[in-house]
């Protein structure tokens, strides 16, 4: 996710608690979605879709924070 911001992401994960929390939650959702799609965890298509929407919102928030730190 956002390879052009790799260095900034590494720095913010240690310096900004809010960013780190959002980043970790995004990664947890990503893994949960993968497990559901692989049928490791049982879930309906609607549940998976809702998690994908939540993950996308987190990604948008993370991107906004990254852009704010580069301005």
N, C-alpha and C. Protein backbone atom coordinates (compact mmCIF):
# COMPACT_ATOMS: atom_id res chain seq x y z
N UNK A 1 0.85 -1.18 0.00
CA UNK A 1 0.00 0.00 0.00
C UNK A 1 0.89 1.24 0.00
N UNK A 2 0.68 2.11 -0.95
CA UNK A 2 1.39 3.38 -1.09
C UNK A 2 2.92 3.21 -1.07
N UNK A 3 3.47 2.50 -2.03
CA UNK A 3 4.92 2.29 -2.01
C UNK A 3 5.72 3.58 -2.10
N UNK A 4 5.15 4.62 -2.68
CA UNK A 4 5.86 5.90 -2.78
C UNK A 4 6.02 6.58 -1.42
N UNK A 5 5.27 6.11 -0.43
CA UNK A 5 5.33 6.69 0.93
C UNK A 5 5.96 5.72 1.93
N UNK A 6 6.67 4.73 1.46
CA UNK A 6 7.19 3.67 2.34
C UNK A 6 7.98 4.24 3.52
N UNK A 7 8.89 5.17 3.26
CA UNK A 7 9.70 5.74 4.34
C UNK A 7 8.85 6.53 5.34
N UNK A 8 7.92 7.33 4.81
CA UNK A 8 7.05 8.11 5.68
C UNK A 8 6.16 7.20 6.51
N UNK A 9 5.64 6.14 5.92
CA UNK A 9 4.80 5.19 6.65
C UNK A 9 5.59 4.58 7.80
N UNK A 10 6.81 4.17 7.55
CA UNK A 10 7.65 3.58 8.60
C UNK A 10 7.85 4.57 9.75
N UNK A 11 8.08 5.82 9.39
CA UNK A 11 8.30 6.84 10.42
C UNK A 11 7.02 7.10 11.21
N UNK A 12 5.89 7.24 10.51
CA UNK A 12 4.63 7.56 11.18
C UNK A 12 4.15 6.40 12.06
N UNK A 13 4.45 5.18 11.68
CA UNK A 13 4.04 4.04 12.51
C UNK A 13 4.69 4.08 13.88
N UNK A 14 5.85 4.72 13.99
CA UNK A 14 6.52 4.81 15.29
C UNK A 14 6.26 6.15 15.99
N UNK A 15 5.97 7.20 15.22
CA UNK A 15 5.83 8.54 15.80
C UNK A 15 4.39 8.99 16.01
N UNK A 16 3.44 8.39 15.31
CA UNK A 16 2.05 8.86 15.35
C UNK A 16 1.14 7.69 15.73
N UNK A 17 0.66 7.70 16.97
CA UNK A 17 -0.17 6.61 17.48
C UNK A 17 -1.45 6.43 16.66
N UNK A 18 -2.08 7.52 16.28
CA UNK A 18 -3.32 7.46 15.51
C UNK A 18 -3.06 6.78 14.16
N UNK A 19 -2.01 7.20 13.48
CA UNK A 19 -1.65 6.59 12.20
C UNK A 19 -1.37 5.10 12.38
N UNK A 20 -0.60 4.76 13.40
CA UNK A 20 -0.24 3.36 13.65
C UNK A 20 -1.49 2.51 13.90
N UNK A 21 -2.44 3.06 14.66
CA UNK A 21 -3.67 2.32 14.95
C UNK A 21 -4.46 2.08 13.66
N UNK A 22 -4.62 3.11 12.85
CA UNK A 22 -5.34 2.97 11.58
C UNK A 22 -4.64 1.98 10.66
N UNK A 23 -3.32 2.06 10.60
CA UNK A 23 -2.53 1.18 9.75
C UNK A 23 -2.70 -0.29 10.17
N UNK A 24 -2.62 -0.53 11.49
CA UNK A 24 -2.78 -1.89 11.99
C UNK A 24 -4.19 -2.42 11.74
N UNK A 25 -5.19 -1.58 11.94
CA UNK A 25 -6.57 -1.99 11.70
C UNK A 25 -6.78 -2.31 10.22
N UNK A 26 -6.20 -1.51 9.34
CA UNK A 26 -6.30 -1.77 7.90
C UNK A 26 -5.70 -3.14 7.57
N UNK A 27 -4.54 -3.44 8.14
CA UNK A 27 -3.90 -4.72 7.88
C UNK A 27 -4.69 -5.89 8.45
N UNK A 28 -5.29 -5.70 9.63
CA UNK A 28 -6.12 -6.75 10.23
C UNK A 28 -7.34 -7.03 9.35
N UNK A 29 -7.98 -5.98 8.86
CA UNK A 29 -9.13 -6.16 7.98
C UNK A 29 -8.73 -6.86 6.69
N UNK A 30 -7.59 -6.48 6.16
CA UNK A 30 -7.10 -7.10 4.94
C UNK A 30 -6.94 -8.62 5.13
N UNK A 31 -6.33 -9.01 6.24
CA UNK A 31 -6.13 -10.43 6.51
C UNK A 31 -7.47 -11.14 6.73
N UNK A 32 -8.37 -10.49 7.44
CA UNK A 32 -9.68 -11.08 7.71
C UNK A 32 -10.44 -11.30 6.39
N UNK A 33 -10.38 -10.33 5.50
CA UNK A 33 -11.04 -10.44 4.20
C UNK A 33 -10.43 -11.60 3.40
N UNK A 34 -9.10 -11.69 3.39
CA UNK A 34 -8.43 -12.78 2.68
C UNK A 34 -8.87 -14.13 3.23
N UNK A 35 -8.96 -14.25 4.55
CA UNK A 35 -9.39 -15.50 5.17
C UNK A 35 -10.83 -15.84 4.82
N UNK A 36 -11.67 -14.83 4.76
CA UNK A 36 -13.07 -15.06 4.39
C UNK A 36 -13.20 -15.49 2.93
N UNK A 37 -12.44 -14.83 2.07
CA UNK A 37 -12.49 -15.16 0.65
C UNK A 37 -11.92 -16.56 0.37
N UNK A 38 -10.97 -16.97 1.20
CA UNK A 38 -10.38 -18.30 1.06
C UNK A 38 -11.21 -19.36 1.81
N UNK A 39 -12.30 -18.92 2.42
CA UNK A 39 -13.21 -19.78 3.17
C UNK A 39 -12.57 -20.41 4.41
N UNK A 40 -11.53 -19.76 4.91
CA UNK A 40 -10.93 -20.18 6.18
C UNK A 40 -11.86 -19.75 7.31
N UNK A 41 -12.48 -18.59 7.11
CA UNK A 41 -13.49 -18.06 8.03
C UNK A 41 -14.79 -17.98 7.25
N UNK A 42 -15.85 -18.45 7.83
CA UNK A 42 -17.15 -18.42 7.17
C UNK A 42 -17.73 -17.00 7.19
N UNK A 43 -18.21 -16.56 6.02
CA UNK A 43 -18.80 -15.22 5.91
C UNK A 43 -19.65 -15.14 4.65
N UNK A 44 -20.65 -14.30 4.72
CA UNK A 44 -21.49 -14.08 3.54
C UNK A 44 -20.81 -13.04 2.64
N UNK A 45 -21.28 -12.98 1.40
CA UNK A 45 -20.75 -11.99 0.46
C UNK A 45 -20.99 -10.58 0.99
N UNK A 46 -22.12 -10.36 1.63
CA UNK A 46 -22.44 -9.04 2.17
C UNK A 46 -21.46 -8.66 3.29
N UNK A 47 -21.11 -9.62 4.14
CA UNK A 47 -20.16 -9.34 5.22
C UNK A 47 -18.79 -8.98 4.65
N UNK A 48 -18.37 -9.71 3.64
CA UNK A 48 -17.09 -9.42 3.01
C UNK A 48 -17.12 -8.03 2.37
N UNK A 49 -18.21 -7.73 1.69
CA UNK A 49 -18.35 -6.42 1.04
C UNK A 49 -18.29 -5.28 2.06
N UNK A 50 -18.95 -5.46 3.20
CA UNK A 50 -18.92 -4.43 4.24
C UNK A 50 -17.52 -4.22 4.79
N UNK A 51 -16.78 -5.31 4.98
CA UNK A 51 -15.41 -5.18 5.46
C UNK A 51 -14.52 -4.49 4.43
N UNK A 52 -14.76 -4.79 3.16
CA UNK A 52 -13.98 -4.12 2.11
C UNK A 52 -14.25 -2.62 2.09
N UNK A 53 -15.49 -2.23 2.33
CA UNK A 53 -15.82 -0.80 2.38
C UNK A 53 -15.15 -0.14 3.58
N UNK A 54 -15.16 -0.83 4.71
CA UNK A 54 -14.51 -0.29 5.91
C UNK A 54 -13.00 -0.15 5.68
N UNK A 55 -12.41 -1.16 5.03
CA UNK A 55 -10.98 -1.12 4.72
C UNK A 55 -10.65 0.05 3.80
N UNK A 56 -11.50 0.29 2.81
CA UNK A 56 -11.29 1.40 1.88
C UNK A 56 -11.37 2.75 2.60
N UNK A 57 -12.28 2.88 3.55
CA UNK A 57 -12.37 4.12 4.33
C UNK A 57 -11.08 4.35 5.12
N UNK A 58 -10.56 3.28 5.70
CA UNK A 58 -9.29 3.39 6.44
C UNK A 58 -8.16 3.79 5.52
N UNK A 59 -8.13 3.20 4.33
CA UNK A 59 -7.09 3.53 3.36
C UNK A 59 -7.17 5.01 2.98
N UNK A 60 -8.38 5.52 2.79
CA UNK A 60 -8.56 6.94 2.48
C UNK A 60 -8.05 7.81 3.63
N UNK A 61 -8.33 7.41 4.86
CA UNK A 61 -7.86 8.18 6.02
C UNK A 61 -6.33 8.16 6.09
N UNK A 62 -5.76 6.98 5.87
CA UNK A 62 -4.30 6.87 5.89
C UNK A 62 -3.68 7.75 4.80
N UNK A 63 -4.27 7.74 3.62
CA UNK A 63 -3.75 8.55 2.53
C UNK A 63 -3.83 10.04 2.88
N UNK A 64 -4.93 10.45 3.50
CA UNK A 64 -5.07 11.84 3.91
C UNK A 64 -3.99 12.24 4.91
N UNK A 65 -3.69 11.36 5.84
CA UNK A 65 -2.62 11.65 6.81
C UNK A 65 -1.26 11.71 6.13
N UNK A 66 -1.02 10.82 5.20
CA UNK A 66 0.26 10.85 4.47
C UNK A 66 0.40 12.15 3.68
N UNK A 67 -0.66 12.55 2.99
CA UNK A 67 -0.62 13.79 2.21
C UNK A 67 -0.41 15.00 3.14
N UNK A 68 -1.03 14.98 4.31
CA UNK A 68 -0.89 16.10 5.25
C UNK A 68 0.56 16.21 5.75
N UNK A 69 1.24 15.09 5.88
CA UNK A 69 2.63 15.11 6.35
C UNK A 69 3.62 15.44 5.25
N UNK A 70 3.18 15.43 4.01
CA UNK A 70 4.09 15.78 2.91
C UNK A 70 3.90 17.20 2.42
N UNK A 71 2.87 17.88 2.93
CA UNK A 71 2.62 19.27 2.51
C UNK A 71 3.51 20.24 3.26
